[in-house]
C-alpha atoms as a PDB file:
ATOM      1  CA  MET A   1       0.120   0.026   0.046  1.00  0.00           C
ATOM      2  CA  LYS A   2       2.795   2.385   0.891  1.00  0.00           C
ATOM      3  CA  LYS A   3       4.699   1.651  -2.498  1.00  0.00           C
ATOM      4  CA  ILE A   4       1.326   2.416  -4.329  1.00  0.00           C
ATOM      5  CA  LEU A   5       1.009   5.960  -2.530  1.00  0.00           C
ATOM      6  CA  LEU A   6       4.720   6.664  -3.116  1.00  0.00           C
ATOM      7  CA  PHE A   7       4.194   5.895  -6.603  1.00  0.00           C
ATOM      8  CA  LEU A   8       0.900   7.954  -6.986  1.00  0.00           C
ATOM      9  CA  VAL A   9       2.862  11.090  -5.247  1.00  0.00           C
ATOM     10  CA  LEU A  10       5.731  10.266  -7.665  1.00  0.00           C
ATOM     11  CA  LEU A  11       3.279  10.334 -10.788  1.00  0.00           C
ATOM     12  CA  VAL A  12       1.591  13.859  -9.348  1.00  0.00           C
ATOM     13  CA  SER A  13       5.098  15.191  -8.813  1.00  0.00           C
ATOM     14  CA  LEU A  14       6.134  14.723 -12.252  1.00  0.00           C
ATOM     15  CA  GLN A  15       3.175  15.561 -14.117  1.00  0.00           C
ATOM     16  CA  GLY A  16       2.482  18.762 -12.040  1.00  0.00           C
ATOM     17  CA  PRO A  17       5.071  21.358 -14.625  1.00  0.00           C
ATOM     18  CA  THR A  18       2.694  19.958 -17.468  1.00  0.00           C
ATOM     19  CA  ILE A  19      -0.700  20.648 -16.046  1.00  0.00           C
ATOM     20  CA  ALA A  20      -0.326  24.224 -16.802  1.00  0.00           C
ATOM     21  CA  GLN A  21      -1.702  25.207 -20.170  1.00  0.00           C
ATOM     22  CA  PRO A  22       0.239  27.750 -22.177  1.00  0.00           C
ATOM     23  CA  SER A  23      -0.927  31.054 -21.923  1.00  0.00           C
ATOM     24  CA  GLU A  24      -3.643  31.823 -24.287  1.00  0.00           C
ATOM     25  CA  ASP A  25      -2.809  35.653 -24.466  1.00  0.00           C
ATOM     26  CA  PRO A  26      -2.166  36.841 -27.910  1.00  0.00           C
ATOM     27  CA  LYS A  27       0.409  39.294 -26.694  1.00  0.00           C
ATOM     28  CA  GLN A  28       2.077  36.855 -24.626  1.00  0.00           C
ATOM     29  CA  LEU A  29       1.959  34.112 -27.830  1.00  0.00           C
ATOM     30  CA  TYR A  30       3.356  37.330 -29.676  1.00  0.00           C
ATOM     31  CA  GLU A  31       6.486  37.486 -27.248  1.00  0.00           C
ATOM     32  CA  THR A  32       6.800  33.858 -27.162  1.00  0.00           C
ATOM     33  CA  ALA A  33       6.699  33.912 -31.255  1.00  0.00           C
ATOM     34  CA  LYS A  34       9.546  36.648 -31.234  1.00  0.00           C
ATOM     35  CA  THR A  35      11.634  35.274 -28.813  1.00  0.00           C
ATOM     36  CA  PHE A  36      12.025  31.696 -30.951  1.00  0.00           C
ATOM     37  CA  MET A  37      12.565  34.111 -34.005  1.00  0.00           C
ATOM     38  CA  ARG A  38      15.574  36.171 -32.215  1.00  0.00           C
ATOM     39  CA  GLN A  39      16.955  32.684 -31.565  1.00  0.00           C
ATOM     40  CA  GLY A  40      16.456  31.567 -35.371  1.00  0.00           C
ATOM     41  CA  ASP A  41      13.701  28.879 -34.265  1.00  0.00           C
ATOM     42  CA  TYR A  42      11.083  29.670 -37.225  1.00  0.00           C
ATOM     43  CA  ASP A  43       9.349  26.741 -37.183  1.00  0.00           C
ATOM     44  CA  ASN A  44       8.078  26.926 -33.634  1.00  0.00           C
ATOM     45  CA  ALA A  45       8.105  30.921 -34.257  1.00  0.00           C
ATOM     46  CA  LEU A  46       5.681  29.873 -36.866  1.00  0.00           C
ATOM     47  CA  LEU A  47       3.682  27.743 -34.978  1.00  0.00           C
ATOM     48  CA  VAL A  48       3.158  30.389 -31.935  1.00  0.00           C
ATOM     49  CA  ILE A  49       2.573  33.105 -34.161  1.00  0.00           C
ATOM     50  CA  LYS A  50      -0.252  31.807 -35.797  1.00  0.00           C
ATOM     51  CA  LYS A  51      -1.902  30.643 -32.644  1.00  0.00           C
ATOM     52  CA  ALA A  52      -1.243  34.182 -31.736  1.00  0.00           C
ATOM     53  CA  ILE A  53      -3.166  35.362 -35.087  1.00  0.00           C
ATOM     54  CA  GLU A  54      -6.062  33.153 -34.750  1.00  0.00           C
ATOM     55  CA  LYS A  55      -6.853  35.391 -31.477  1.00  0.00           C
ATOM     56  CA  ASP A  56      -6.047  38.401 -32.821  1.00  0.00           C
ATOM     57  CA  PRO A  57      -6.392  37.988 -36.764  1.00  0.00           C
ATOM     58  CA  SER A  58      -6.259  41.908 -37.975  1.00  0.00           C
ATOM     59  CA  ASN A  59      -3.077  42.638 -35.566  1.00  0.00           C
ATOM     60  CA  LEU A  60      -0.702  44.211 -38.227  1.00  0.00           C
ATOM     61  CA  ASP A  61       2.297  43.610 -36.737  1.00  0.00           C
ATOM     62  CA  MET A  62       1.838  39.914 -36.046  1.00  0.00           C
ATOM     63  CA  LEU A  63       0.995  39.553 -39.418  1.00  0.00           C
ATOM     64  CA  LYS A  64       4.103  41.633 -40.904  1.00  0.00           C
ATOM     65  CA  ASP A  65       6.131  39.097 -38.590  1.00  0.00           C
ATOM     66  CA  LEU A  66       4.325  35.876 -40.090  1.00  0.00           C
ATOM     67  CA  GLU A  67       5.552  37.145 -43.376  1.00  0.00           C
ATOM     68  CA  PHE A  68       9.027  37.716 -42.435  1.00  0.00           C
ATOM     69  CA  ILE A  69       9.069  34.333 -40.954  1.00  0.00           C
ATOM     70  CA  TYR A  70       8.243  32.856 -44.302  1.00  0.00           C
ATOM     71  CA  PHE A  71      10.777  35.106 -46.051  1.00  0.00           C
ATOM     72  CA  LEU A  72      13.194  33.558 -43.841  1.00  0.00           C
ATOM     73  CA  GLN A  73      11.970  30.348 -44.350  1.00  0.00           C
ATOM     74  CA  ARG A  74      12.566  31.238 -48.088  1.00  0.00           C
ATOM     75  CA  ASN A  75       8.703  30.426 -48.352  1.00  0.00           C
ATOM     76  CA  TYR A  76       8.335  33.234 -50.708  1.00  0.00           C
ATOM     77  CA  GLU A  77       4.679  32.033 -51.985  1.00  0.00           C
ATOM     78  CA  LYS A  78       3.429  32.109 -48.701  1.00  0.00           C
ATOM     79  CA  ALA A  79       5.451  35.391 -47.877  1.00  0.00           C
ATOM     80  CA  MET A  80       3.650  37.260 -50.751  1.00  0.00           C
ATOM     81  CA  GLU A  81       0.119  35.683 -49.698  1.00  0.00           C
ATOM     82  CA  VAL A  82       0.445  37.018 -46.413  1.00  0.00           C
ATOM     83  CA  GLY A  83       1.891  40.330 -47.636  1.00  0.00           C
ATOM     84  CA  LYS A  84      -0.166  41.355 -50.324  1.00  0.00           C
ATOM     85  CA  PRO A  85      -3.335  41.986 -48.604  1.00  0.00           C
ATOM     86  CA  LEU A  86      -1.528  43.833 -46.175  1.00  0.00           C
ATOM     87  CA  ILE A  87      -0.472  46.723 -48.235  1.00  0.00           C
ATOM     88  CA  GLU A  88      -3.888  47.368 -49.345  1.00  0.00           C
ATOM     89  CA  ARG A  89      -5.067  47.955 -45.880  1.00  0.00           C
ATOM     90  CA  ALA A  90      -5.760  51.531 -44.594  1.00  0.00           C
ATOM     91  CA  ASP A  91      -2.990  50.902 -41.670  1.00  0.00           C
ATOM     92  CA  ALA A  92      -0.715  49.798 -44.074  1.00  0.00           C
ATOM     93  CA  ASP A  93       2.554  51.411 -42.595  1.00  0.00           C
ATOM     94  CA  VAL A  94       6.393  51.608 -44.728  1.00  0.00           C
ATOM     95  CA  GLN A  95       7.293  48.115 -43.124  1.00  0.00           C
ATOM     96  CA  SER A  96       4.559  46.778 -44.802  1.00  0.00           C
ATOM     97  CA  PHE A  97       5.723  47.838 -48.284  1.00  0.00           C
ATOM     98  CA  GLN A  98       9.338  47.355 -47.293  1.00  0.00           C
ATOM     99  CA  MET A  99       8.150  43.563 -46.159  1.00  0.00           C
ATOM    100  CA  LEU A 100       6.726  42.638 -49.584  1.00  0.00           C
ATOM    101  CA  GLY A 101       9.568  44.312 -51.580  1.00  0.00           C
ATOM    102  CA  LEU A 102      12.158  41.934 -49.881  1.00  0.00           C
ATOM    103  CA  THR A 103      10.190  39.121 -51.044  1.00  0.00           C
ATOM    104  CA  TYR A 104       9.927  40.394 -54.622  1.00  0.00           C
ATOM    105  CA  LYS A 105      13.564  41.493 -54.945  1.00  0.00           C
ATOM    106  CA  ALA A 106      14.589  37.230 -53.621  1.00  0.00           C
ATOM    107  CA  ILE A 107      12.135  36.296 -56.189  1.00  0.00           C
ATOM    108  CA  ALA A 108      13.688  38.732 -59.084  1.00  0.00           C
ATOM    109  CA  GLU A 109      10.298  39.978 -60.008  1.00  0.00           C
ATOM    110  CA  TYR A 110      11.516  43.463 -60.628  1.00  0.00           C
ATOM    111  CA  LYS A 111       8.436  44.753 -62.546  1.00  0.00           C
ATOM    112  CA  GLU A 112       6.141  43.932 -59.906  1.00  0.00           C
ATOM    113  CA  CYS A 113       8.733  45.389 -57.074  1.00  0.00           C
ATOM    114  CA  ARG A 114       8.880  48.645 -59.016  1.00  0.00           C
ATOM    115  CA  LYS A 115       4.810  49.074 -59.014  1.00  0.00           C
ATOM    116  CA  LEU A 116       4.979  48.472 -55.509  1.00  0.00           C
ATOM    117  CA  TYR A 117       7.318  51.271 -54.695  1.00  0.00           C
ATOM    118  CA  LYS A 118       5.513  53.868 -56.531  1.00  0.00           C
ATOM    119  CA  LYS A 119       2.556  52.608 -54.932  1.00  0.00           C
ATOM    120  CA  ALA A 120       4.389  53.076 -51.420  1.00  0.00           C
ATOM    121  CA  LEU A 121       5.834  56.259 -52.297  1.00  0.00           C
ATOM    122  CA  ALA A 122       2.339  57.865 -53.055  1.00  0.00           C
ATOM    123  CA  LYS A 123       1.209  57.027 -49.720  1.00  0.00           C
ATOM    124  CA  TYR A 124       4.711  57.876 -48.332  1.00  0.00           C
ATOM    125  CA  PRO A 125       6.583  60.724 -50.242  1.00  0.00           C
ATOM    126  CA  THR A 126       9.262  61.054 -47.893  1.00  0.00           C
ATOM    127  CA  SER A 127       9.944  57.554 -46.829  1.00  0.00           C
ATOM    128  CA  GLY A 128      13.916  57.109 -46.989  1.00  0.00           C
ATOM    129  CA  VAL A 129      13.865  53.595 -46.535  1.00  0.00           C
ATOM    130  CA  ILE A 130      11.274  53.306 -49.665  1.00  0.00           C
ATOM    131  CA  TYR A 131      13.466  55.438 -51.793  1.00  0.00           C
ATOM    132  CA  ASN A 132      16.577  53.772 -50.303  1.00  0.00           C
ATOM    133  CA  GLU A 133      15.414  50.380 -51.334  1.00  0.00           C
ATOM    134  CA  TYR A 134      13.691  51.442 -54.673  1.00  0.00           C
ATOM    135  CA  GLY A 135      16.956  52.595 -55.642  1.00  0.00           C
ATOM    136  CA  GLU A 136      18.246  49.276 -54.884  1.00  0.00           C
ATOM    137  CA  LEU A 137      15.806  47.419 -56.894  1.00  0.00           C
ATOM    138  CA  LEU A 138      16.741  49.763 -60.012  1.00  0.00           C
ATOM    139  CA  ALA A 139      20.397  48.670 -59.582  1.00  0.00           C
ATOM    140  CA  MET A 140      19.890  45.328 -59.203  1.00  0.00           C
ATOM    141  CA  ASP A 141      17.778  46.021 -62.306  1.00  0.00           C
ATOM    142  CA  LYS A 142      20.818  47.188 -63.995  1.00  0.00           C
ATOM    143  CA  SER A 143      19.148  50.692 -64.354  1.00  0.00           C
ATOM    144  CA  LEU A 144      21.800  52.499 -62.073  1.00  0.00           C
ATOM    145  CA  ASN A 145      21.099  55.891 -63.534  1.00  0.00           C
ATOM    146  CA  GLU A 146      17.370  55.630 -62.543  1.00  0.00           C
ATOM    147  CA  ALA A 147      18.656  54.482 -59.017  1.00  0.00           C
ATOM    148  CA  ILE A 148      20.864  57.524 -58.070  1.00  0.00           C
ATOM    149  CA  VAL A 149      17.956  59.719 -58.631  1.00  0.00           C
ATOM    150  CA  GLN A 150      15.833  57.443 -56.095  1.00  0.00           C
ATOM    151  CA  TRP A 151      18.711  58.010 -53.535  1.00  0.00           C
ATOM    152  CA  GLU A 152      19.174  61.524 -54.043  1.00  0.00           C
ATOM    153  CA  LYS A 153      15.549  62.125 -53.515  1.00  0.00           C
ATOM    154  CA  GLY A 154      15.692  60.135 -50.369  1.00  0.00           C
ATOM    155  CA  MET A 155      17.972  62.747 -48.945  1.00  0.00           C
ATOM    156  CA  GLU A 156      16.106  65.544 -49.895  1.00  0.00           C
ATOM    157  CA  THR A 157      12.948  64.309 -48.388  1.00  0.00           C
ATOM    158  CA  ASP A 158      14.459  62.107 -45.368  1.00  0.00           C
ATOM    159  CA  ALA A 159      17.735  63.805 -44.765  1.00  0.00           C
ATOM    160  CA  ASN A 160      18.647  61.526 -41.956  1.00  0.00           C
ATOM    161  CA  TYR A 161      18.330  58.312 -43.245  1.00  0.00           C
ATOM    162  CA  SER A 162      21.618  57.124 -43.633  1.00  0.00           C
ATOM    163  CA  GLY A 163      21.122  54.391 -46.549  1.00  0.00           C
ATOM    164  CA  ASN A 164      20.725  56.927 -49.235  1.00  0.00           C
ATOM    165  CA  TYR A 165      24.096  58.436 -48.687  1.00  0.00           C
ATOM    166  CA  PHE A 166      25.609  54.984 -48.750  1.00  0.00           C
ATOM    167  CA  ASN A 167      24.319  54.077 -51.524  1.00  0.00           C
ATOM    168  CA  ALA A 168      24.952  57.328 -53.663  1.00  0.00           C
ATOM    169  CA  VAL A 169      28.287  57.561 -52.446  1.00  0.00           C
ATOM    170  CA  LYS A 170      29.009  53.876 -53.573  1.00  0.00           C
ATOM    171  CA  PHE A 171      27.330  54.797 -56.936  1.00  0.00           C
ATOM    172  CA  TYR A 172      29.398  58.030 -57.414  1.00  0.00           C
ATOM    173  CA  SER A 173      33.083  56.279 -56.807  1.00  0.00           C
ATOM    174  CA  GLN A 174      32.113  53.525 -59.266  1.00  0.00           C
ATOM    175  CA  GLN A 175      31.670  56.052 -62.138  1.00  0.00           C
ATOM    176  CA  SER A 176      34.816  56.589 -64.598  1.00  0.00           C
ATOM    177  CA  ASN A 177      34.267  60.028 -64.011  1.00  0.00           C
ATOM    178  CA  PRO A 178      33.447  60.499 -60.453  1.00  0.00           C
ATOM    179  CA  ASP A 179      31.459  63.272 -59.288  1.00  0.00           C
ATOM    180  CA  LEU A 180      34.074  63.793 -56.508  1.00  0.00           C
ATOM    181  CA  PHE A 181      32.515  67.155 -54.769  1.00  0.00           C
ATOM    182  CA  TRP A 182      29.388  64.940 -54.236  1.00  0.00           C
ATOM    183  CA  ILE A 183      31.619  61.741 -53.116  1.00  0.00           C
ATOM    184  CA  LEU A 184      32.826  64.008 -50.263  1.00  0.00           C
ATOM    185  CA  ILE A 185      29.815  65.890 -49.015  1.00  0.00           C
ATOM    186  CA  TYR A 186      27.638  62.589 -49.137  1.00  0.00           C
ATOM    187  CA  GLY A 187      30.321  60.199 -47.690  1.00  0.00           C
ATOM    188  CA  GLU A 188      31.094  62.811 -44.748  1.00  0.00           C
ATOM    189  CA  THR A 189      27.663  63.049 -44.093  1.00  0.00           C
ATOM    190  CA  PHE A 190      27.112  59.481 -43.985  1.00  0.00           C
ATOM    191  CA  VAL A 191      29.770  58.563 -41.416  1.00  0.00           C
ATOM    192  CA  ASN A 192      28.467  61.165 -38.993  1.00  0.00           C
ATOM    193  CA  LEU A 193      24.903  59.446 -39.377  1.00  0.00           C
ATOM    194  CA  GLU A 194      26.296  55.745 -39.172  1.00  0.00           C
ATOM    195  CA  SER A 195      29.616  56.291 -37.340  1.00  0.00           C
ATOM    196  CA  TYR A 196      30.127  52.400 -36.160  1.00  0.00           C
ATOM    197  CA  THR A 197      29.175  50.105 -38.980  1.00  0.00           C
ATOM    198  CA  ALA A 198      31.048  47.993 -41.080  1.00  0.00           C
ATOM    199  CA  ARG A 199      29.939  50.373 -43.912  1.00  0.00           C
ATOM    200  CA  THR A 200      31.386  53.243 -42.470  1.00  0.00           C
ATOM    201  CA  SER A 201      34.838  51.896 -42.978  1.00  0.00           C
ATOM    202  CA  GLU A 202      34.332  51.208 -45.881  1.00  0.00           C
ATOM    203  CA  ILE A 203      33.055  54.935 -46.850  1.00  0.00           C
ATOM    204  CA  LYS A 204      36.045  56.289 -44.895  1.00  0.00           C
ATOM    205  CA  LYS A 205      38.323  54.656 -47.398  1.00  0.00           C
ATOM    206  CA  ILE A 206      36.494  56.139 -50.501  1.00  0.00           C
ATOM    207  CA  LEU A 207      36.503  59.411 -48.437  1.00  0.00           C
ATOM    208  CA  LEU A 208      40.326  59.312 -48.286  1.00  0.00           C
ATOM    209  CA  GLU A 209      40.470  58.376 -52.395  1.00  0.00           C
ATOM    210  CA  GLY A 210      38.351  61.049 -52.799  1.00  0.00           C
ATOM    211  CA  TYR A 211      40.109  63.793 -51.391  1.00  0.00           C
ATOM    212  CA  LYS A 212      43.449  62.538 -52.966  1.00  0.00           C
ATOM    213  CA  LYS A 213      41.661  62.748 -56.252  1.00  0.00           C
ATOM    214  CA  PHE A 214      39.762  66.299 -55.504  1.00  0.00           C
ATOM    215  CA  TYR A 215      42.874  67.931 -54.893  1.00  0.00           C
ATOM    216  CA  ASN A 216      44.865  66.200 -57.642  1.00  0.00           C
ATOM    217  CA  THR A 217      44.370  69.177 -60.092  1.00  0.00           C
ATOM    218  CA  ASN A 218      45.281  72.907 -60.334  1.00  0.00           C
ATOM    219  CA  ASP A 219      41.830  74.276 -60.447  1.00  0.00           C
ATOM    220  CA  LEU A 220      39.256  72.445 -57.947  1.00  0.00           C
ATOM    221  CA  ASN A 221      36.276  73.767 -60.229  1.00  0.00           C
ATOM    222  CA  SER A 222      37.287  71.399 -62.491  1.00  0.00           C
ATOM    223  CA  ASN A 223      35.595  68.885 -60.135  1.00  0.00           C
ATOM    224  CA  ILE A 224      32.495  70.222 -61.288  1.00  0.00           C
ATOM    225  CA  LYS A 225      30.348  67.579 -63.546  1.00  0.00           C
ATOM    226  CA  GLY A 226      27.748  69.031 -65.483  1.00  0.00           C
ATOM    227  CA  PRO A 227      25.575  72.218 -64.006  1.00  0.00           C
ATOM    228  CA  ALA A 228      26.112  72.799 -60.571  1.00  0.00           C
ATOM    229  CA  SER A 229      24.225  74.292 -57.975  1.00  0.00           C
ATOM    230  CA  ALA A 230      25.102  77.768 -56.063  1.00  0.00           C
ATOM    231  CA  PHE A 231      25.863  75.567 -53.134  1.00  0.00           C
ATOM    232  CA  GLU A 232      28.503  73.599 -54.951  1.00  0.00           C
ATOM    233  CA  LYS A 233      30.130  76.302 -56.702  1.00  0.00           C
ATOM    234  CA  GLU A 234      30.420  78.627 -53.534  1.00  0.00           C
ATOM    235  CA  THR A 235      31.800  75.722 -51.364  1.00  0.00           C
ATOM    236  CA  ILE A 236      34.403  74.603 -54.151  1.00  0.00           C
ATOM    237  CA  ASN A 237      35.324  78.282 -54.182  1.00  0.00           C
ATOM    238  CA  THR A 238      36.063  78.656 -50.737  1.00  0.00           C
ATOM    239  CA  LEU A 239      37.964  75.625 -50.509  1.00  0.00           C
ATOM    240  CA  SER A 240      40.283  77.090 -53.435  1.00  0.00           C
ATOM    241  CA  LYS A 241      41.540  79.437 -50.908  1.00  0.00           C
ATOM    242  CA  SER A 242      43.101  76.680 -48.830  1.00  0.00           C
ATOM    243  CA  ALA A 243      43.923  74.457 -52.119  1.00  0.00           C
ATOM    244  CA  SER A 244      47.645  74.955 -51.560  1.00  0.00           C
ATOM    245  CA  ILE A 245      48.136  73.350 -48.626  1.00  0.00           C
ATOM    246  CA  ALA A 246      47.190  69.654 -50.313  1.00  0.00           C
ATOM    247  CA  SER A 247      50.557  70.300 -52.167  1.00  0.00           C
ATOM    248  CA  ASP A 248      52.402  68.357 -49.666  1.00  0.00           C
ATOM    249  CA  GLY A 249      49.879  65.458 -50.124  1.00  0.00           C
ATOM    250  CA  ILE A 250      46.605  64.259 -48.733  1.00  0.00           C
ATOM    251  CA  ASN A 251      46.750  62.918 -45.309  1.00  0.00           C
ATOM    252  CA  ALA A 252      44.812  63.611 -42.059  1.00  0.00           C
ATOM    253  CA  GLU A 253      46.701  66.595 -41.211  1.00  0.00           C
ATOM    254  CA  ASN A 254      46.444  68.372 -44.293  1.00  0.00           C
ATOM    255  CA  ILE A 255      42.523  67.437 -44.244  1.00  0.00           C
ATOM    256  CA  MET A 256      42.136  69.150 -41.038  1.00  0.00           C
ATOM    257  CA  ALA A 257      44.040  72.336 -42.259  1.00  0.00           C
ATOM    258  CA  ILE A 258      42.158  72.679 -45.322  1.00  0.00           C
ATOM    259  CA  LYS A 259      38.901  72.084 -43.581  1.00  0.00           C
ATOM    260  CA  THR A 260      40.144  74.719 -40.828  1.00  0.00           C
ATOM    261  CA  ARG A 261      40.784  77.330 -43.456  1.00  0.00           C
ATOM    262  CA  PHE A 262      37.299  76.598 -44.773  1.00  0.00           C
ATOM    263  CA  VAL A 263      35.812  77.068 -41.756  1.00  0.00           C
ATOM    264  CA  LEU A 264      37.321  80.476 -41.117  1.00  0.00           C
ATOM    265  CA  ASP A 265      36.314  81.794 -44.637  1.00  0.00           C
ATOM    266  CA  TRP A 266      33.131  80.100 -44.567  1.00  0.00           C
ATOM    267  CA  PHE A 267      31.266  81.710 -41.891  1.00  0.00           C
ATOM    268  CA  HIS A 268      31.470  85.244 -43.203  1.00  0.00           C
ATOM    269  CA  GLY A 269      28.040  85.247 -44.787  1.00  0.00           C
ATOM    270  CA  ASN A 270      27.882  81.653 -46.342  1.00  0.00           C
ATOM    271  CA  GLU A 271      26.117  79.914 -43.348  1.00  0.00           C
ATOM    272  CA  THR A 272      22.911  82.137 -43.789  1.00  0.00           C
ATOM    273  CA  LYS A 273      22.948  81.579 -47.330  1.00  0.00           C
ATOM    274  CA  PHE A 274      23.411  78.070 -47.328  1.00  0.00           C
ATOM    275  CA  PRO A 275      23.117  76.302 -43.754  1.00  0.00           C
ATOM    276  CA  CYS A 276      24.827  73.293 -43.853  1.00  0.00           C
ATOM    277  CA  ARG A 277      24.457  70.753 -40.624  1.00  0.00           C
ATOM    278  CA  LEU A 278      28.166  69.371 -41.532  1.00  0.00           C
ATOM    279  CA  PHE A 279      29.891  72.978 -41.721  1.00  0.00           C
ATOM    280  CA  ASP A 280      28.196  73.869 -38.499  1.00  0.00           C
ATOM    281  CA  HIS A 281      29.407  70.627 -37.175  1.00  0.00           C
ATOM    282  CA  TYR A 282      33.152  71.194 -38.477  1.00  0.00           C
ATOM    283  CA  GLN A 283      32.801  74.771 -36.648  1.00  0.00           C
ATOM    284  CA  HIS A 284      31.616  73.057 -33.152  1.00  0.00           C
ATOM    285  CA  MET A 285      34.359  70.952 -32.933  1.00  0.00           C
ATOM    286  CA  LEU A 286      36.933  73.457 -34.089  1.00  0.00           C
ATOM    287  CA  LYS A 287      35.537  75.348 -30.990  1.00  0.00           C
ATOM    288  CA  GLU A 288      35.612  72.055 -28.692  1.00  0.00           C
ATOM    289  CA  GLY A 289      39.194  71.611 -29.596  1.00  0.00           C
ATOM    290  CA  ILE A 290      38.353  68.064 -30.519  1.00  0.00           C
ATOM    291  CA  PHE A 291      38.392  68.610 -34.845  1.00  0.00           C
ATOM    292  CA  ASP A 292      41.917  67.161 -35.283  1.00  0.00           C
ATOM    293  CA  ALA A 293      40.517  63.588 -33.444  1.00  0.00           C
ATOM    294  CA  TYR A 294      37.595  63.773 -36.171  1.00  0.00           C
ATOM    295  CA  ASN A 295      39.689  64.094 -38.676  1.00  0.00           C
ATOM    296  CA  GLN A 296      42.015  61.710 -37.572  1.00  0.00           C
ATOM    297  CA  TRP A 297      38.889  59.289 -36.700  1.00  0.00           C
ATOM    298  CA  ILE A 298      37.822  59.400 -40.427  1.00  0.00           C
ATOM    299  CA  PHE A 299      40.928  59.765 -42.721  1.00  0.00           C
ATOM    300  CA  GLY A 300      44.031  58.638 -40.235  1.00  0.00           C
ATOM    301  CA  ALA A 301      42.030  55.465 -39.636  1.00  0.00           C
ATOM    302  CA  ALA A 302      41.686  55.035 -43.202  1.00  0.00           C
ATOM    303  CA  ALA A 303      45.018  55.530 -44.046  1.00  0.00           C
ATOM    304  CA  ASN A 304      46.753  53.376 -41.787  1.00  0.00           C
ATOM    305  CA  PRO A 305      45.163  51.638 -38.838  1.00  0.00           C
ATOM    306  CA  ASP A 306      48.296  50.863 -36.612  1.00  0.00           C
ATOM    307  CA  ALA A 307      49.525  54.921 -37.138  1.00  0.00           C
ATOM    308  CA  TYR A 308      46.010  55.778 -36.048  1.00  0.00           C
ATOM    309  CA  ALA A 309      46.248  53.713 -33.149  1.00  0.00           C
ATOM    310  CA  LEU A 310      49.663  55.069 -32.142  1.00  0.00           C
ATOM    311  CA  TRP A 311      48.012  59.192 -32.869  1.00  0.00           C
ATOM    312  CA  LEU A 312      45.381  57.762 -29.971  1.00  0.00           C
ATOM    313  CA  LYS A 313      48.069  57.014 -27.407  1.00  0.00           C
ATOM    314  CA  ALA A 314      49.975  60.219 -28.248  1.00  0.00           C
ATOM    315  CA  ASN A 315      46.912  61.967 -28.303  1.00  0.00           C
ATOM    316  CA  ASP A 316      44.531  60.176 -25.559  1.00  0.00           C
ATOM    317  CA  LYS A 317      43.049  63.237 -23.846  1.00  0.00           C
ATOM    318  CA  GLN A 318      41.733  64.524 -27.179  1.00  0.00           C
ATOM    319  CA  ALA A 319      40.572  61.301 -28.663  1.00  0.00           C
ATOM    320  CA  ASP A 320      38.818  60.860 -25.430  1.00  0.00           C
ATOM    321  CA  ALA A 321      37.040  64.036 -25.531  1.00  0.00           C
ATOM    322  CA  PHE A 322      36.016  63.443 -29.008  1.00  0.00           C
ATOM    323  CA  LYS A 323      34.567  60.068 -28.191  1.00  0.00           C
ATOM    324  CA  LYS A 324      32.535  61.339 -25.676  1.00  0.00           C
ATOM    325  CA  PHE A 325      31.153  64.106 -27.749  1.00  0.00           C
ATOM    326  CA  GLN A 326      30.686  61.384 -30.514  1.00  0.00           C
ATOM    327  CA  THR A 327      28.573  58.863 -28.429  1.00  0.00           C
ATOM    328  CA  ALA A 328      26.492  61.895 -26.438  1.00  0.00           C
ATOM    329  CA  ARG A 329      25.670  64.072 -29.711  1.00  0.00           C
ATOM    330  CA  ILE A 330      22.990  63.104 -32.356  1.00  0.00           C
ATOM    331  CA  PHE A 331      24.044  64.386 -35.831  1.00  0.00           C
ATOM    332  CA  LYS A 332      20.314  65.489 -37.243  1.00  0.00           C
ATOM    333  CA  ILE A 333      20.334  67.495 -40.104  1.00  0.00           C
ATOM    334  CA  PRO A 334      17.349  70.177 -40.545  1.00  0.00           C
ATOM    335  CA  ALA A 335      14.848  70.154 -43.538  1.00  0.00           C
ATOM    336  CA  GLY A 336      15.835  72.414 -46.374  1.00  0.00           C
ATOM    337  CA  GLN A 337      19.647  71.686 -46.169  1.00  0.00           C
ATOM    338  CA  TYR A 338      19.951  69.868 -49.967  1.00  0.00           C
ATOM    339  CA  TYR A 339      22.006  71.754 -52.274  1.00  0.00           C
ATOM    340  CA  LYS A 340      22.172  68.965 -55.570  1.00  0.00           C
END
């Protein structure tokens, strides 16, 4: 009898944790599904999110994640099945279009994807994300001259989305006769918007080479490609005043000297004619005594990482001050400062 009672107690204790039913709350189910997604367990994520959607069938966020799980599983047919109705909803957001666009790109359905992005821009005409992805689609479809139009429109309408700057710099740097001026402007804007990624290191190298080519002439105006804006002309004229500094070559120190002279000349009226967040940034760092560290961070690091490491050790106070400044500040471009 004692053995039977012991067995029953043991059986109950073993069954205890399994008696509790999983939460039926759709929000909790959704959180569980997202946990599975973060772990890369897409099969279980799919099972749980489907159950959540059964209980909250119109939830846009859940449906977008369902579409994304199908996309990650490369089940593009199912992803489109979920995604197409979402973009027709009144509450369809930018991400709804973005997700379906990823699926179209994955199956090289470029014609439908073009239609999708045009529809998205009709609803969200200032979305830097959509302009960027539309440009990337056009580049995939070998329509690069159309792609750069989208990336530059994205900068004009959504100045703080970094992807458009990145793609524009890459586009111009790969041309046989590159537009060096805009490589410098877009490139340096990009590294301030997106300062610590693999893409940042890539653009730093392009910037260094861009400066070398830009100053490889006796007349900086020869860098103008086609019709130039008043901003471009005035900026190049101002840079020309310090062009002789480049006669010793282009490195972080010379670029620092060129820009210092530029700031002194620019801020005598041009700052009101052509407000420019990037140039304001230069002036502020000069006043704070960290402009050298900034230029070393871009150009010194790109030219010679080992030499840059030595510079950091020899100038640790300025380097620390710049790092604190850079991590604390938000580089944000006001609307209306697009001059291409």
